[in-house]
Protein backbone atom coordinates (compact mmCIF):
# COMPACT_ATOMS: atom_id res chain seq x y z
CA MET A 1 -37.83 1.21 -0.99
CA ILE A 2 -35.21 3.76 -2.04
CA TYR A 3 -33.46 3.33 1.31
CA PHE A 4 -33.14 -0.38 0.66
CA TRP A 5 -31.34 0.28 -2.65
CA ILE A 6 -29.06 2.88 -1.09
CA ILE A 7 -28.12 0.49 1.70
CA LEU A 8 -27.60 -2.33 -0.82
CA VAL A 9 -25.30 -0.15 -2.94
CA ILE A 10 -23.32 0.86 0.15
CA VAL A 11 -22.96 -2.78 1.22
CA VAL A 12 -21.85 -3.84 -2.27
CA LEU A 13 -19.33 -0.98 -2.46
CA TRP A 14 -17.98 -1.90 0.96
CA ALA A 15 -17.69 -5.58 -0.09
CA VAL A 16 -15.78 -4.60 -3.23
CA TYR A 17 -13.48 -2.38 -1.18
CA ALA A 18 -12.89 -5.11 1.43
CA PHE A 19 -12.18 -7.70 -1.27
CA ASN A 20 -9.73 -5.41 -3.07
CA HIS A 21 -8.03 -4.52 0.21
CA LEU A 22 -7.54 -8.21 1.03
CA ILE A 23 -6.13 -8.84 -2.45
CA SER A 24 -3.67 -5.95 -1.97
CA LEU A 25 -2.56 -7.26 1.41
CA ARG A 26 -2.09 -10.80 0.12
CA ASN A 27 -0.08 -9.61 -2.88
CA ARG A 28 2.12 -7.37 -0.71
CA SER A 29 2.83 -10.34 1.53
CA LYS A 30 3.76 -12.51 -1.44
CA GLU A 31 5.99 -9.76 -2.81
CA ALA A 32 7.67 -9.39 0.58
CA TRP A 33 8.33 -13.15 0.68
CA ALA A 34 9.88 -12.90 -2.80
CA ASP A 35 12.22 -10.22 -1.41
CA ILE A 36 13.31 -12.62 1.34
CA GLU A 37 13.91 -15.34 -1.23
CA VAL A 38 16.12 -13.00 -3.29
CA GLN A 39 18.28 -12.28 -0.24
CA LEU A 40 18.40 -15.94 0.78
CA LYS A 41 19.51 -16.90 -2.74
CA ARG A 42 22.23 -14.27 -2.52
CA ARG A 43 23.31 -15.82 0.79
CA TYR A 44 23.26 -19.33 -0.68
CA ASP A 45 25.37 -18.16 -3.63
CA LEU A 46 28.01 -16.62 -1.34
CA ILE A 47 28.44 -19.70 0.83
CA PRO A 48 30.32 -21.96 -1.65
CA ASN A 49 32.84 -19.18 -2.31
CA LEU A 50 33.32 -18.63 1.41
CA VAL A 51 33.78 -22.35 2.05
CA SER A 52 36.28 -22.64 -0.82
CA THR A 53 38.31 -19.72 0.48
CA VAL A 54 38.43 -21.05 4.04
CA LYS A 55 39.04 -24.62 2.85
CA GLY A 56 42.25 -23.48 1.18
CA TYR A 57 43.62 -22.49 4.59
CA ALA A 58 42.00 -25.14 6.79
CA ALA A 59 41.50 -28.22 4.65
CA HIS A 60 41.62 -30.49 7.72
CA GLU A 61 38.36 -28.94 9.05
CA SER A 62 36.29 -30.95 6.56
CA SER A 63 33.42 -31.73 8.97
CA ALA A 64 32.64 -28.02 9.36
CA PHE A 65 32.59 -27.58 5.58
CA GLU A 66 30.36 -30.63 5.16
CA ASN A 67 27.98 -29.23 7.78
CA VAL A 68 27.76 -25.91 5.96
CA THR A 69 27.12 -27.67 2.66
CA LYS A 70 24.40 -29.87 4.18
CA ALA A 71 22.81 -26.92 5.98
CA ARG A 72 22.85 -24.87 2.77
CA SER A 73 21.14 -27.69 0.85
CA MET A 74 18.56 -28.12 3.59
CA ALA A 75 17.81 -24.37 3.68
CA MET A 76 17.58 -24.17 -0.10
CA GLY A 77 15.11 -27.06 -0.09
CA ALA A 78 12.85 -25.54 2.55
CA GLN A 79 9.70 -23.98 1.12
CA GLY A 80 7.57 -21.08 2.33
CA ALA A 81 7.84 -19.05 5.48
CA GLY A 82 6.97 -21.83 7.87
CA LYS A 83 8.68 -23.12 10.96
CA ASP A 84 10.67 -25.70 8.98
CA HIS A 85 12.24 -23.03 6.80
CA ALA A 86 13.10 -20.89 9.81
CA GLU A 87 14.74 -23.88 11.50
CA ALA A 88 16.71 -24.71 8.33
CA GLU A 89 17.97 -21.13 8.19
CA ASN A 90 18.92 -21.38 11.86
CA VAL A 91 20.99 -24.52 11.19
CA LEU A 92 22.72 -22.74 8.31
CA THR A 93 23.50 -19.75 10.51
CA GLY A 94 25.04 -22.06 13.12
CA ALA A 95 27.12 -23.82 10.48
CA LEU A 96 28.37 -20.48 9.16
CA LYS A 97 29.38 -19.48 12.67
CA SER A 98 31.60 -22.56 12.83
CA VAL A 99 33.32 -21.55 9.58
CA PHE A 100 33.97 -18.08 10.96
CA ALA A 101 35.29 -19.64 14.16
CA ILE A 102 37.74 -21.68 12.07
CA ALA A 103 38.81 -18.51 10.28
CA GLU A 104 39.71 -16.92 13.61
CA ALA A 105 42.53 -19.45 13.99
CA TYR A 106 44.15 -18.48 10.68
CA PRO A 107 45.55 -14.92 10.64
CA ASP A 108 46.58 -15.26 6.97
CA LEU A 109 43.00 -16.12 6.08
CA LYS A 110 41.61 -13.15 7.99
CA ALA A 111 43.92 -10.92 5.94
CA ASN A 112 42.93 -12.53 2.61
CA GLN A 113 41.14 -10.00 0.39
CA ASN A 114 38.69 -12.58 -1.00
CA PHE A 115 37.77 -13.74 2.47
CA MET A 116 37.32 -10.20 3.72
CA ALA A 117 35.13 -9.32 0.72
CA LEU A 118 33.02 -12.45 1.22
CA GLN A 119 32.62 -11.71 4.93
CA SER A 120 31.52 -8.19 4.12
CA GLU A 121 29.04 -9.41 1.50
CA LEU A 122 27.67 -12.05 3.83
CA SER A 123 27.29 -9.55 6.67
CA ASP A 124 25.49 -7.16 4.33
CA THR A 125 23.25 -9.99 3.12
CA GLU A 126 22.40 -11.00 6.69
CA ASN A 127 21.30 -7.42 7.38
CA LYS A 128 19.18 -7.40 4.23
CA ILE A 129 17.58 -10.71 5.18
CA GLN A 130 16.63 -9.28 8.58
CA ALA A 131 15.13 -6.17 6.97
CA ALA A 132 13.25 -8.24 4.39
CA ARG A 133 11.95 -10.54 7.12
CA ARG A 134 10.66 -7.59 9.15
CA PHE A 135 8.97 -6.16 6.04
CA TYR A 136 7.39 -9.54 5.24
CA ASN A 137 6.17 -10.05 8.79
CA ALA A 138 4.62 -6.55 8.85
CA ASN A 139 2.71 -7.28 5.65
CA VAL A 140 1.60 -10.69 6.88
CA ARG A 141 0.49 -9.14 10.18
CA ASP A 142 -1.68 -6.63 8.28
CA LEU A 143 -3.20 -9.39 6.15
CA ASN A 144 -3.86 -11.60 9.17
CA ILE A 145 -5.56 -8.74 11.01
CA ALA A 146 -7.79 -8.03 8.01
CA VAL A 147 -8.67 -11.72 7.67
CA GLU A 148 -9.65 -11.95 11.34
CA LYS A 149 -11.22 -8.53 11.93
CA PHE A 150 -14.94 -7.95 11.64
CA PRO A 151 -16.48 -7.18 9.15
CA SER A 152 -13.73 -7.93 6.63
CA ASP A 153 -13.59 -11.48 8.00
CA ILE A 154 -16.93 -12.07 6.25
CA ILE A 155 -15.45 -11.27 2.84
CA ALA A 156 -12.26 -13.19 3.71
CA GLY A 157 -14.34 -16.25 4.55
CA MET A 158 -16.51 -15.96 1.45
CA PHE A 159 -13.50 -15.77 -0.87
CA LYS A 160 -11.31 -18.20 1.09
CA PHE A 161 -8.61 -15.74 2.16
CA SER A 162 -6.52 -17.32 4.87
CA LYS A 163 -3.93 -16.21 7.33
CA MET A 164 -0.30 -16.49 6.33
CA GLU A 165 2.49 -17.68 8.58
CA LEU A 166 5.04 -15.25 9.96
CA PHE A 167 8.70 -15.96 9.22
CA ASP A 168 9.95 -16.16 12.79
CA LEU A 169 13.09 -17.70 14.11
CA PRO A 170 12.75 -20.58 16.57
CA ASP A 171 13.09 -19.72 20.24
CA ASN A 172 16.69 -20.60 20.93
CA ASP A 173 19.86 -18.63 21.46
CA ALA A 174 21.61 -19.59 18.22
CA ALA A 175 18.68 -18.35 16.15
CA GLN A 176 18.48 -15.01 17.90
CA ASN A 177 22.11 -14.07 17.30
CA PRO A 178 23.14 -13.11 13.77
CA VAL A 179 26.26 -14.48 12.13
CA GLU A 180 29.07 -12.62 13.86
CA VAL A 181 31.78 -11.29 11.61
CA LYS A 182 34.90 -10.30 13.60
CA PHE A 183 38.48 -9.51 12.73
C-alpha cells in the first residue's frame, strides 16, 4: 500500500512539473512573438519617413509609394505568426526593395543625410526582425516538441495546450532575400 502512495506522489509531482514546463514554454513563445511585434512596429514607423524622403526626390514614382503604403497597411493588419502575416511581410519587403531601387537613380538622394539615416535604421531593424524571428521559432519549436512528446503530451492534451505556428517566410526568392541597402 505504501508503494502505491509513493508512486502516486511521484506521478502527481511529475504532472505538476510537466504542466509548469508547458506553461513556461508557452509564455516564452508569446514573449518572443511580442519581441517580433516590437521590431515590426519599429519597421512600420520608419517606412512613412523613408517614403517621404524619397518622394521629395522622385515624386513621379507614385505607384511605388502607393505600393509601399498598401503593403505597410496590409502587414500592420496581419495578426499572429501565421502564413498570412509572413506573406504580408514578404509583400512589404518587395515594396521596400522598389523604393530602394528608385533611390539608386538619384545620387542626390543617396547622399541625403535623412535618407542615409533611415536606410541605416531600416537595415538595423531588418536584422533585429530576423534575430527575433529566430528566437521566436526556437521557443515555438520547444513548445511544439513538448506538446507532442510522450509523456508530456498527456498533460498537454488534458489542459488543452496546442502547438503554435512558426513564423516562416513563404518559399519564394523575394522572401528569402532581405531588403538590400546599397550605396
